[in-house]
PDB file of N, CA and C in Angstrom:
ATOM      1  N   UNK A   1       0.841  -1.168   0.000  1.00  0.00           N
ATOM      2  CA  UNK A   1       0.000   0.000   0.000  1.00  0.00           C
ATOM      3  C   UNK A   1       0.890   1.236   0.000  1.00  0.00           C
ATOM      4  N   UNK A   2       0.550   2.226  -0.795  1.00  0.00           N
ATOM      5  CA  UNK A   2       1.302   3.473  -0.867  1.00  0.00           C
ATOM      6  C   UNK A   2       0.510   4.576  -0.191  1.00  0.00           C
ATOM      7  N   UNK A   3       1.232   5.449   0.521  1.00  0.00           N
ATOM      8  CA  UNK A   3       0.563   6.577   1.162  1.00  0.00           C
ATOM      9  C   UNK A   3       1.350   7.852   0.907  1.00  0.00           C
ATOM     10  N   UNK A   4       0.687   8.975   1.013  1.00  0.00           N
ATOM     11  CA  UNK A   4       1.343  10.289   1.013  1.00  0.00           C
ATOM     12  C   UNK A   4       1.270  10.812   2.439  1.00  0.00           C
ATOM     13  N   UNK A   5       2.280  11.557   2.843  1.00  0.00           N
ATOM     14  CA  UNK A   5       2.316  12.059   4.221  1.00  0.00           C
ATOM     15  C   UNK A   5       2.217  13.566   4.221  1.00  0.00           C
ATOM     16  N   UNK A   6       1.238  14.085   4.929  1.00  0.00           N
ATOM     17  CA  UNK A   6       1.142  15.519   5.176  1.00  0.00           C
ATOM     18  C   UNK A   6       1.929  15.777   6.450  1.00  0.00           C
ATOM     19  N   UNK A   7       2.652  16.846   6.508  1.00  0.00           N
ATOM     20  CA  UNK A   7       3.422  17.138   7.705  1.00  0.00           C
ATOM     21  C   UNK A   7       4.797  17.676   7.378  1.00  0.00           C
ATOM     22  N   UNK A   8       5.066  17.849   6.118  1.00  0.00           N
ATOM     23  CA  UNK A   8       6.360  18.359   5.697  1.00  0.00           C
ATOM     24  C   UNK A   8       6.190  19.824   5.290  1.00  0.00           C
ATOM     25  N   UNK A   9       7.118  20.655   5.673  1.00  0.00           N
ATOM     26  CA  UNK A   9       7.080  22.062   5.268  1.00  0.00           C
ATOM     27  C   UNK A   9       6.064  22.885   6.026  1.00  0.00           C
ATOM     28  N   UNK A  10       5.743  22.495   7.255  1.00  0.00           N
ATOM     29  CA  UNK A  10       4.857  23.309   8.073  1.00  0.00           C
ATOM     30  C   UNK A  10       3.377  23.045   7.854  1.00  0.00           C
ATOM     31  N   UNK A  11       3.035  22.015   7.119  1.00  0.00           N
ATOM     32  CA  UNK A  11       1.627  21.681   6.905  1.00  0.00           C
ATOM     33  C   UNK A  11       1.351  20.386   7.643  1.00  0.00           C
ATOM     34  N   UNK A  12       0.541  20.464   8.682  1.00  0.00           N
ATOM     35  CA  UNK A  12       0.240  19.282   9.472  1.00  0.00           C
ATOM     36  C   UNK A  12       1.373  18.961  10.420  1.00  0.00           C
ATOM     37  N   UNK A  13       1.324  17.776  11.006  1.00  0.00           N
ATOM     38  CA  UNK A  13       2.374  17.343  11.922  1.00  0.00           C
ATOM     39  C   UNK A  13       2.578  18.279  13.095  1.00  0.00           C
ATOM     40  N   UNK A  14       3.813  18.465  13.468  1.00  0.00           N
ATOM     41  CA  UNK A  14       4.217  19.233  14.647  1.00  0.00           C
ATOM     42  C   UNK A  14       3.598  20.622  14.698  1.00  0.00           C
ATOM     43  N   UNK A  15       3.578  21.312  13.571  1.00  0.00           N
ATOM     44  CA  UNK A  15       3.128  22.700  13.558  1.00  0.00           C
ATOM     45  C   UNK A  15       1.633  22.840  13.831  1.00  0.00           C
ATOM     46  N   UNK A  16       0.855  21.899  13.395  1.00  0.00           N
ATOM     47  CA  UNK A  16      -0.590  21.969  13.588  1.00  0.00           C
ATOM     48  C   UNK A  16      -1.076  21.119  14.752  1.00  0.00           C
ATOM     49  N   UNK A  17      -0.226  20.272  15.281  1.00  0.00           N
ATOM     50  CA  UNK A  17      -0.600  19.353  16.352  1.00  0.00           C
ATOM     51  C   UNK A  17      -0.396  20.040  17.702  1.00  0.00           C
ATOM     52  N   UNK A  18      -1.336  20.864  18.077  1.00  0.00           N
ATOM     53  CA  UNK A  18      -1.215  21.647  19.307  1.00  0.00           C
ATOM     54  C   UNK A  18      -2.578  21.796  19.951  1.00  0.00           C
ATOM     55  N   UNK A  19      -2.612  22.568  21.003  1.00  0.00           N
ATOM     56  CA  UNK A  19      -3.846  22.839  21.732  1.00  0.00           C
ATOM     57  C   UNK A  19      -4.270  24.278  21.489  1.00  0.00           C
ATOM     58  N   UNK A  20      -5.532  24.608  21.751  1.00  0.00           N
ATOM     59  CA  UNK A  20      -5.956  26.009  21.638  1.00  0.00           C
ATOM     60  C   UNK A  20      -5.136  26.892  22.586  1.00  0.00           C
ATOM     61  N   UNK A  21      -4.927  28.139  22.188  1.00  0.00           N
ATOM     62  CA  UNK A  21      -4.107  29.083  22.960  1.00  0.00           C
ATOM     63  C   UNK A  21      -4.555  29.188  24.415  1.00  0.00           C
ATOM     64  N   UNK A  22      -5.852  29.080  24.671  1.00  0.00           N
ATOM     65  CA  UNK A  22      -6.351  29.252  26.040  1.00  0.00           C
ATOM     66  C   UNK A  22      -5.818  28.186  27.000  1.00  0.00           C
ATOM     67  N   UNK A  23      -5.412  27.024  26.480  1.00  0.00           N
ATOM     68  CA  UNK A  23      -4.872  25.976  27.340  1.00  0.00           C
ATOM     69  C   UNK A  23      -3.509  26.357  27.915  1.00  0.00           C
ATOM     70  N   UNK A  24      -2.820  27.306  27.285  1.00  0.00           N
ATOM     71  CA  UNK A  24      -1.504  27.724  27.725  1.00  0.00           C
ATOM     72  C   UNK A  24      -1.553  28.959  28.619  1.00  0.00           C
ATOM     73  N   UNK A  25      -2.758  29.468  28.877  1.00  0.00           N
ATOM     74  CA  UNK A  25      -2.925  30.673  29.690  1.00  0.00           C
ATOM     75  C   UNK A  25      -3.533  30.319  31.040  1.00  0.00           C
ATOM     76  N   UNK A  26      -3.124  31.060  32.071  1.00  0.00           N
ATOM     77  CA  UNK A  26      -3.743  30.880  33.380  1.00  0.00           C
ATOM     78  C   UNK A  26      -5.193  31.338  33.298  1.00  0.00           C
ATOM     79  N   UNK A  27      -6.056  30.715  34.089  1.00  0.00           N
ATOM     80  CA  UNK A  27      -7.463  31.122  34.093  1.00  0.00           C
ATOM     81  C   UNK A  27      -7.587  32.505  34.731  1.00  0.00           C
ATOM     82  N   UNK A  28      -8.626  33.216  34.353  1.00  0.00           N
ATOM     83  CA  UNK A  28      -8.817  34.580  34.861  1.00  0.00           C
ATOM     84  C   UNK A  28      -9.128  34.604  36.350  1.00  0.00           C
ATOM     85  N   UNK A  29      -9.684  33.519  36.887  1.00  0.00           N
ATOM     86  CA  UNK A  29     -10.010  33.480  38.315  1.00  0.00           C
ATOM     87  C   UNK A  29      -8.924  32.791  39.147  1.00  0.00           C
ATOM     88  N   UNK A  30      -7.774  32.544  38.525  1.00  0.00           N
ATOM     89  CA  UNK A  30      -6.629  31.888  39.184  1.00  0.00           C
ATOM     90  C   UNK A  30      -6.950  30.469  39.642  1.00  0.00           C
ATOM     91  N   UNK A  31      -7.996  29.878  39.104  1.00  0.00           N
ATOM     92  CA  UNK A  31      -8.382  28.523  39.482  1.00  0.00           C
ATOM     93  C   UNK A  31      -7.439  27.484  38.883  1.00  0.00           C
ATOM     94  N   UNK A  32      -6.979  27.736  37.663  1.00  0.00           N
ATOM     95  CA  UNK A  32      -6.125  26.750  36.982  1.00  0.00           C
ATOM     96  C   UNK A  32      -4.937  27.436  36.329  1.00  0.00           C
ATOM     97  N   UNK A  33      -3.805  26.774  36.381  1.00  0.00           N
ATOM     98  CA  UNK A  33      -2.600  27.278  35.745  1.00  0.00           C
ATOM     99  C   UNK A  33      -2.531  26.736  34.319  1.00  0.00           C
ATOM    100  N   UNK A  34      -2.104  27.561  33.396  1.00  0.00           N
ATOM    101  CA  UNK A  34      -1.972  27.138  32.013  1.00  0.00           C
ATOM    102  C   UNK A  34      -0.837  26.139  31.840  1.00  0.00           C
ATOM    103  N   UNK A  35      -0.895  25.398  30.769  1.00  0.00           N
ATOM    104  CA  UNK A  35       0.139  24.421  30.443  1.00  0.00           C
ATOM    105  C   UNK A  35       1.379  25.176  29.974  1.00  0.00           C
ATOM    106  N   UNK A  36       2.545  24.768  30.444  1.00  0.00           N
ATOM    107  CA  UNK A  36       3.797  25.365  29.993  1.00  0.00           C
ATOM    108  C   UNK A  36       4.059  24.904  28.560  1.00  0.00           C
ATOM    109  N   UNK A  37       4.199  25.856  27.649  1.00  0.00           N
ATOM    110  CA  UNK A  37       4.339  25.533  26.221  1.00  0.00           C
ATOM    111  C   UNK A  37       5.597  24.705  25.939  1.00  0.00           C
ATOM    112  N   UNK A  38       6.703  25.001  26.613  1.00  0.00           N
ATOM    113  CA  UNK A  38       7.936  24.237  26.397  1.00  0.00           C
ATOM    114  C   UNK A  38       7.780  22.804  26.904  1.00  0.00           C
ATOM    115  N   UNK A  39       7.133  22.625  28.033  1.00  0.00           N
ATOM    116  CA  UNK A  39       6.892  21.276  28.547  1.00  0.00           C
ATOM    117  C   UNK A  39       5.975  20.503  27.603  1.00  0.00           C
ATOM    118  N   UNK A  40       4.977  21.185  27.058  1.00  0.00           N
ATOM    119  CA  UNK A  40       4.065  20.553  26.111  1.00  0.00           C
ATOM    120  C   UNK A  40       4.824  20.074  24.870  1.00  0.00           C
ATOM    121  N   UNK A  41       5.680  20.930  24.307  1.00  0.00           N
ATOM    122  CA  UNK A  41       6.430  20.566  23.111  1.00  0.00           C
ATOM    123  C   UNK A  41       7.384  19.406  23.389  1.00  0.00           C
ATOM    124  N   UNK A  42       8.016  19.380  24.560  1.00  0.00           N
ATOM    125  CA  UNK A  42       8.900  18.269  24.913  1.00  0.00           C
ATOM    126  C   UNK A  42       8.098  16.971  25.003  1.00  0.00           C
ATOM    127  N   UNK A  43       6.950  17.026  25.683  1.00  0.00           N
ATOM    128  CA  UNK A  43       6.102  15.833  25.792  1.00  0.00           C
ATOM    129  C   UNK A  43       5.618  15.391  24.412  1.00  0.00           C
ATOM    130  N   UNK A  44       5.323  16.352  23.557  1.00  0.00           N
ATOM    131  CA  UNK A  44       4.882  16.052  22.196  1.00  0.00           C
ATOM    132  C   UNK A  44       5.987  15.333  21.421  1.00  0.00           C
ATOM    133  N   UNK A  45       7.211  15.840  21.488  1.00  0.00           N
ATOM    134  CA  UNK A  45       8.333  15.195  20.799  1.00  0.00           C
ATOM    135  C   UNK A  45       8.578  13.794  21.354  1.00  0.00           C
ATOM    136  N   UNK A  46       8.508  13.646  22.679  1.00  0.00           N
ATOM    137  CA  UNK A  46       8.684  12.327  23.294  1.00  0.00           C
ATOM    138  C   UNK A  46       7.622  11.348  22.787  1.00  0.00           C
ATOM    139  N   UNK A  47       6.385  11.818  22.681  1.00  0.00           N
ATOM    140  CA  UNK A  47       5.292  10.983  22.178  1.00  0.00           C
ATOM    141  C   UNK A  47       5.548  10.555  20.735  1.00  0.00           C
ATOM    142  N   UNK A  48       5.949  11.517  19.903  1.00  0.00           N
ATOM    143  CA  UNK A  48       6.244  11.201  18.505  1.00  0.00           C
ATOM    144  C   UNK A  48       7.308  10.110  18.413  1.00  0.00           C
ATOM    145  N   UNK A  49       8.406  10.273  19.159  1.00  0.00           N
ATOM    146  CA  UNK A  49       9.489   9.293  19.122  1.00  0.00           C
ATOM    147  C   UNK A  49       9.017   7.934  19.616  1.00  0.00           C
ATOM    148  N   UNK A  50       8.173   7.918  20.651  1.00  0.00           N
ATOM    149  CA  UNK A  50       7.607   6.669  21.172  1.00  0.00           C
ATOM    150  C   UNK A  50       6.787   5.947  20.106  1.00  0.00           C
ATOM    151  N   UNK A  51       6.080   6.720  19.284  1.00  0.00           N
ATOM    152  CA  UNK A  51       5.224   6.149  18.230  1.00  0.00           C
ATOM    153  C   UNK A  51       6.009   5.720  16.995  1.00  0.00           C
ATOM    154  N   UNK A  52       7.309   6.072  16.935  1.00  0.00           N
ATOM    155  CA  UNK A  52       8.099   5.737  15.755  1.00  0.00           C
ATOM    156  C   UNK A  52       8.028   6.798  14.681  1.00  0.00           C
ATOM    157  N   UNK A  53       7.813   8.046  15.098  1.00  0.00           N
ATOM    158  CA  UNK A  53       7.727   9.173  14.189  1.00  0.00           C
ATOM    159  C   UNK A  53       8.948  10.061  14.377  1.00  0.00           C
ATOM    160  N   UNK A  54       9.150  11.010  13.489  1.00  0.00           N
ATOM    161  CA  UNK A  54      10.204  12.002  13.660  1.00  0.00           C
ATOM    162  C   UNK A  54       9.751  13.019  14.707  1.00  0.00           C
ATOM    163  N   UNK A  55      10.662  13.894  15.124  1.00  0.00           N
ATOM    164  CA  UNK A  55      10.291  14.940  16.084  1.00  0.00           C
ATOM    165  C   UNK A  55       9.266  15.908  15.500  1.00  0.00           C
ATOM    166  N   UNK A  56       9.111  15.900  14.189  1.00  0.00           N
ATOM    167  CA  UNK A  56       8.135  16.769  13.527  1.00  0.00           C
ATOM    168  C   UNK A  56       6.771  16.103  13.378  1.00  0.00           C
ATOM    169  N   UNK A  57       6.635  14.869  13.854  1.00  0.00           N
ATOM    170  CA  UNK A  57       5.347  14.193  13.811  1.00  0.00           C
ATOM    171  C   UNK A  57       5.060  13.450  12.521  1.00  0.00           C
ATOM    172  N   UNK A  58       6.110  13.072  11.799  1.00  0.00           N
ATOM    173  CA  UNK A  58       5.950  12.340  10.548  1.00  0.00           C
ATOM    174  C   UNK A  58       6.434  10.903  10.763  1.00  0.00           C
ATOM    175  N   UNK A  59       5.641   9.917  10.372  1.00  0.00           N
ATOM    176  CA  UNK A  59       6.089   8.522  10.537  1.00  0.00           C
ATOM    177  C   UNK A  59       7.412   8.276   9.815  1.00  0.00           C
ATOM    178  N   UNK A  60       8.322   7.569  10.472  1.00  0.00           N
ATOM    179  CA  UNK A  60       9.605   7.241   9.855  1.00  0.00           C
ATOM    180  C   UNK A  60       9.410   6.129   8.822  1.00  0.00           C
ATOM    181  N   UNK A  61      10.393   5.983   7.948  1.00  0.00           N
ATOM    182  CA  UNK A  61      10.322   4.908   6.951  1.00  0.00           C
ATOM    183  C   UNK A  61      10.273   3.549   7.642  1.00  0.00           C
ATOM    184  N   UNK A  62      11.000   3.421   8.755  1.00  0.00           N
ATOM    185  CA  UNK A  62      10.993   2.170   9.514  1.00  0.00           C
ATOM    186  C   UNK A  62       9.587   1.863  10.021  1.00  0.00           C
ATOM    187  N   UNK A  63       8.911   2.869  10.579  1.00  0.00           N
ATOM    188  CA  UNK A  63       7.553   2.661  11.106  1.00  0.00           C
ATOM    189  C   UNK A  63       6.589   2.299   9.975  1.00  0.00           C
ATOM    190  N   UNK A  64       6.693   3.008   8.861  1.00  0.00           N
ATOM    191  CA  UNK A  64       5.820   2.709   7.728  1.00  0.00           C
ATOM    192  C   UNK A  64       6.033   1.279   7.240  1.00  0.00           C
ATOM    193  N   UNK A  65       7.290   0.853   7.193  1.00  0.00           N
ATOM    194  CA  UNK A  65       7.610  -0.507   6.775  1.00  0.00           C
ATOM    195  C   UNK A  65       7.017  -1.524   7.744  1.00  0.00           C
ATOM    196  N   UNK A  66       7.092  -1.258   9.034  1.00  0.00           N
ATOM    197  CA  UNK A  66       6.503  -2.141  10.045  1.00  0.00           C
ATOM    198  C   UNK A  66       4.997  -2.288   9.846  1.00  0.00           C
ATOM    199  N   UNK A  67       4.385  -1.231   9.341  1.00  0.00           N
ATOM    200  CA  UNK A  67       2.936  -1.241   9.119  1.00  0.00           C
ATOM    201  C   UNK A  67       2.556  -1.750   7.728  1.00  0.00           C
ATOM    202  N   UNK A  68       3.565  -2.099   6.941  1.00  0.00           N
ATOM    203  CA  UNK A  68       3.305  -2.597   5.592  1.00  0.00           C
ATOM    204  C   UNK A  68       2.931  -1.503   4.618  1.00  0.00           C
ATOM    205  N   UNK A  69       3.409  -0.278   4.869  1.00  0.00           N
ATOM    206  CA  UNK A  69       3.100   0.865   4.027  1.00  0.00           C
ATOM    207  C   UNK A  69       4.366   1.361   3.356  1.00  0.00           C
ATOM    208  N   UNK A  70       4.195   1.987   2.188  1.00  0.00           N
ATOM    209  CA  UNK A  70       5.321   2.592   1.485  1.00  0.00           C
ATOM    210  C   UNK A  70       5.036   4.060   1.289  1.00  0.00           C
ATOM    211  N   UNK A  71       6.069   4.870   1.470  1.00  0.00           N
ATOM    212  CA  UNK A  71       5.933   6.314   1.298  1.00  0.00           C
ATOM    213  C   UNK A  71       6.042   6.677  -0.170  1.00  0.00           C
ATOM    214  N   UNK A  72       5.083   7.454  -0.674  1.00  0.00           N
ATOM    215  CA  UNK A  72       5.135   7.935  -2.065  1.00  0.00           C
ATOM    216  C   UNK A  72       6.034   9.133  -2.155  1.00  0.00           C
TER     217      UNK A  72
END
């Protein structure tokens, strides 16, 4: 099976795989602290690597091969 991958050149993947801006801001009533953006990005990269993807969120050739897929 052949697939095309979106996620190269800033379209999809790491750049679009985020949370709404409000999740990174403290609440107005001080009830909740916003998520630290740097911690989020580190956790995101760790997740990608765990899944067999690049740090940019694109499946590696090795992962695609394991799944029986070929990159176009």
